[in-house]
Amino acid sequence: MAGTNQYITMVASIVTVFQFIYIGDLLWWYAIIFGSITIVSAFCGLKALNAYLAKSGKQSIIAIILTFVLTFAVISLPLNYVIKA
């Protein structure tokens, strides 16, 4: 399931970029900067996760990290709206 989710996310991201290119609204500098940051961050994150999994053998850390990130997103979006209001 995780592989399918990553594949769908990748395809959706690529299609969204093509839509922005088509309508002429893509900010190329932001795309290059954030794309580079994303590639480096993903590489570092995967290396750290693989090292942790090899050391501990506990797969549950993936679910814990995902839960933390999603909870942070759910809390930060409304909080950002309230702060701006």
C-alpha atoms as a PDB file:
ATOM      1  CA  MET A   1       0.000   0.000   0.000  1.00  0.00           C
ATOM      2  CA  ALA A   2       2.816   2.423   0.811  1.00  0.00           C
ATOM      3  CA  GLY A   3       4.370   1.926  -2.625  1.00  0.00           C
ATOM      4  CA  THR A   4       1.046   2.548  -4.347  1.00  0.00           C
ATOM      5  CA  ASN A   5       0.488   5.690  -2.287  1.00  0.00           C
ATOM      6  CA  GLN A   6       3.924   7.030  -3.196  1.00  0.00           C
ATOM      7  CA  TYR A   7       3.338   6.261  -6.870  1.00  0.00           C
ATOM      8  CA  ILE A   8      -0.032   8.038  -6.890  1.00  0.00           C
ATOM      9  CA  THR A   9       1.474  11.040  -5.092  1.00  0.00           C
ATOM     10  CA  MET A  10       4.317  11.224  -7.625  1.00  0.00           C
ATOM     11  CA  VAL A  11       1.942  11.052 -10.600  1.00  0.00           C
ATOM     12  CA  ALA A  12      -0.363  13.689  -9.088  1.00  0.00           C
ATOM     13  CA  SER A  13       2.589  15.996  -8.430  1.00  0.00           C
ATOM     14  CA  ILE A  14       3.913  15.640 -11.959  1.00  0.00           C
ATOM     15  CA  VAL A  15       0.487  16.283 -13.478  1.00  0.00           C
ATOM     16  CA  THR A  16       0.052  19.369 -11.285  1.00  0.00           C
ATOM     17  CA  VAL A  17       3.411  20.743 -12.439  1.00  0.00           C
ATOM     18  CA  PHE A  18       2.422  20.206 -16.057  1.00  0.00           C
ATOM     19  CA  GLN A  19      -0.845  22.057 -15.435  1.00  0.00           C
ATOM     20  CA  PHE A  20       1.029  25.035 -13.988  1.00  0.00           C
ATOM     21  CA  ILE A  21       3.443  24.982 -16.937  1.00  0.00           C
ATOM     22  CA  TYR A  22       0.521  24.824 -19.382  1.00  0.00           C
ATOM     23  CA  ILE A  23      -1.221  27.880 -17.905  1.00  0.00           C
ATOM     24  CA  GLY A  24       2.088  29.707 -17.499  1.00  0.00           C
ATOM     25  CA  ASP A  25       1.930  30.102 -13.726  1.00  0.00           C
ATOM     26  CA  LEU A  26       4.930  28.005 -12.703  1.00  0.00           C
ATOM     27  CA  LEU A  27       7.489  29.963 -10.711  1.00  0.00           C
ATOM     28  CA  TRP A  28      10.631  28.289 -12.015  1.00  0.00           C
ATOM     29  CA  TRP A  29      12.998  29.525  -9.294  1.00  0.00           C
ATOM     30  CA  TYR A  30      10.725  28.233  -6.540  1.00  0.00           C
ATOM     31  CA  ALA A  31      10.301  24.945  -8.364  1.00  0.00           C
ATOM     32  CA  ILE A  32      14.066  24.501  -8.689  1.00  0.00           C
ATOM     33  CA  ILE A  33      14.807  25.519  -5.098  1.00  0.00           C
ATOM     34  CA  PHE A  34      12.052  23.456  -3.481  1.00  0.00           C
ATOM     35  CA  GLY A  35      12.642  20.522  -5.812  1.00  0.00           C
ATOM     36  CA  SER A  36      16.321  20.458  -4.842  1.00  0.00           C
ATOM     37  CA  ILE A  37      15.495  20.733  -1.140  1.00  0.00           C
ATOM     38  CA  THR A  38      12.961  17.918  -1.489  1.00  0.00           C
ATOM     39  CA  ILE A  39      15.416  15.576  -3.214  1.00  0.00           C
ATOM     40  CA  VAL A  40      18.156  16.192  -0.640  1.00  0.00           C
ATOM     41  CA  SER A  41      15.717  15.904   2.281  1.00  0.00           C
ATOM     42  CA  ALA A  42      14.187  12.688   0.962  1.00  0.00           C
ATOM     43  CA  PHE A  43      17.644  11.161   0.487  1.00  0.00           C
ATOM     44  CA  CYS A  44      18.744  12.140   4.010  1.00  0.00           C
ATOM     45  CA  GLY A  45      15.465  10.966   5.528  1.00  0.00           C
ATOM     46  CA  LEU A  46      15.624   7.580   3.811  1.00  0.00           C
ATOM     47  CA  LYS A  47      19.243   7.084   4.863  1.00  0.00           C
ATOM     48  CA  ALA A  48      18.406   7.944   8.485  1.00  0.00           C
ATOM     49  CA  LEU A  49      15.306   5.739   8.479  1.00  0.00           C
ATOM     50  CA  ASN A  50      17.158   2.782   6.960  1.00  0.00           C
ATOM     51  CA  ALA A  51      19.953   3.166   9.517  1.00  0.00           C
ATOM     52  CA  TYR A  52      17.425   3.251  12.357  1.00  0.00           C
ATOM     53  CA  LEU A  53      15.541   0.239  11.020  1.00  0.00           C
ATOM     54  CA  ALA A  54      18.755  -1.733  10.596  1.00  0.00           C
ATOM     55  CA  LYS A  55      19.765  -0.904  14.160  1.00  0.00           C
ATOM     56  CA  SER A  56      16.443  -1.437  15.925  1.00  0.00           C
ATOM     57  CA  GLY A  57      14.403  -3.572  13.544  1.00  0.00           C
ATOM     58  CA  LYS A  58      11.234  -1.740  14.621  1.00  0.00           C
ATOM     59  CA  GLN A  59       9.011  -0.777  11.685  1.00  0.00           C
ATOM     60  CA  SER A  60       6.618   1.084  13.977  1.00  0.00           C
ATOM     61  CA  ILE A  61       8.748   4.245  13.800  1.00  0.00           C
ATOM     62  CA  ILE A  62       7.359   4.889  10.312  1.00  0.00           C
ATOM     63  CA  ALA A  63       3.778   4.945  11.633  1.00  0.00           C
ATOM     64  CA  ILE A  64       4.806   7.137  14.570  1.00  0.00           C
ATOM     65  CA  ILE A  65       6.526   9.690  12.330  1.00  0.00           C
ATOM     66  CA  LEU A  66       3.611   9.717   9.894  1.00  0.00           C
ATOM     67  CA  THR A  67       1.143  10.224  12.751  1.00  0.00           C
ATOM     68  CA  PHE A  68       3.218  13.115  14.116  1.00  0.00           C
ATOM     69  CA  VAL A  69       3.483  14.840  10.733  1.00  0.00           C
ATOM     70  CA  LEU A  70      -0.212  14.489   9.930  1.00  0.00           C
ATOM     71  CA  THR A  71      -1.234  15.654  13.405  1.00  0.00           C
ATOM     72  CA  PHE A  72       1.054  18.670  13.076  1.00  0.00           C
ATOM     73  CA  ALA A  73      -0.511  19.496   9.692  1.00  0.00           C
ATOM     74  CA  VAL A  74      -4.054  19.185  11.038  1.00  0.00           C
ATOM     75  CA  ILE A  75      -3.240  21.492  13.949  1.00  0.00           C
ATOM     76  CA  SER A  76      -1.100  24.030  12.078  1.00  0.00           C
ATOM     77  CA  LEU A  77      -3.523  24.808   9.240  1.00  0.00           C
ATOM     78  CA  PRO A  78      -6.426  26.071  11.394  1.00  0.00           C
ATOM     79  CA  LEU A  79      -3.965  27.695  13.804  1.00  0.00           C
ATOM     80  CA  ASN A  80      -2.420  29.618  10.914  1.00  0.00           C
ATOM     81  CA  TYR A  81      -5.880  30.797   9.870  1.00  0.00           C
ATOM     82  CA  VAL A  82      -6.695  31.964  13.414  1.00  0.00           C
ATOM     83  CA  ILE A  83      -3.385  33.803  13.765  1.00  0.00           C
ATOM     84  CA  LYS A  84      -3.877  35.638  10.464  1.00  0.00           C
ATOM     85  CA  ALA A  85      -7.447  36.653  11.356  1.00  0.00           C
END
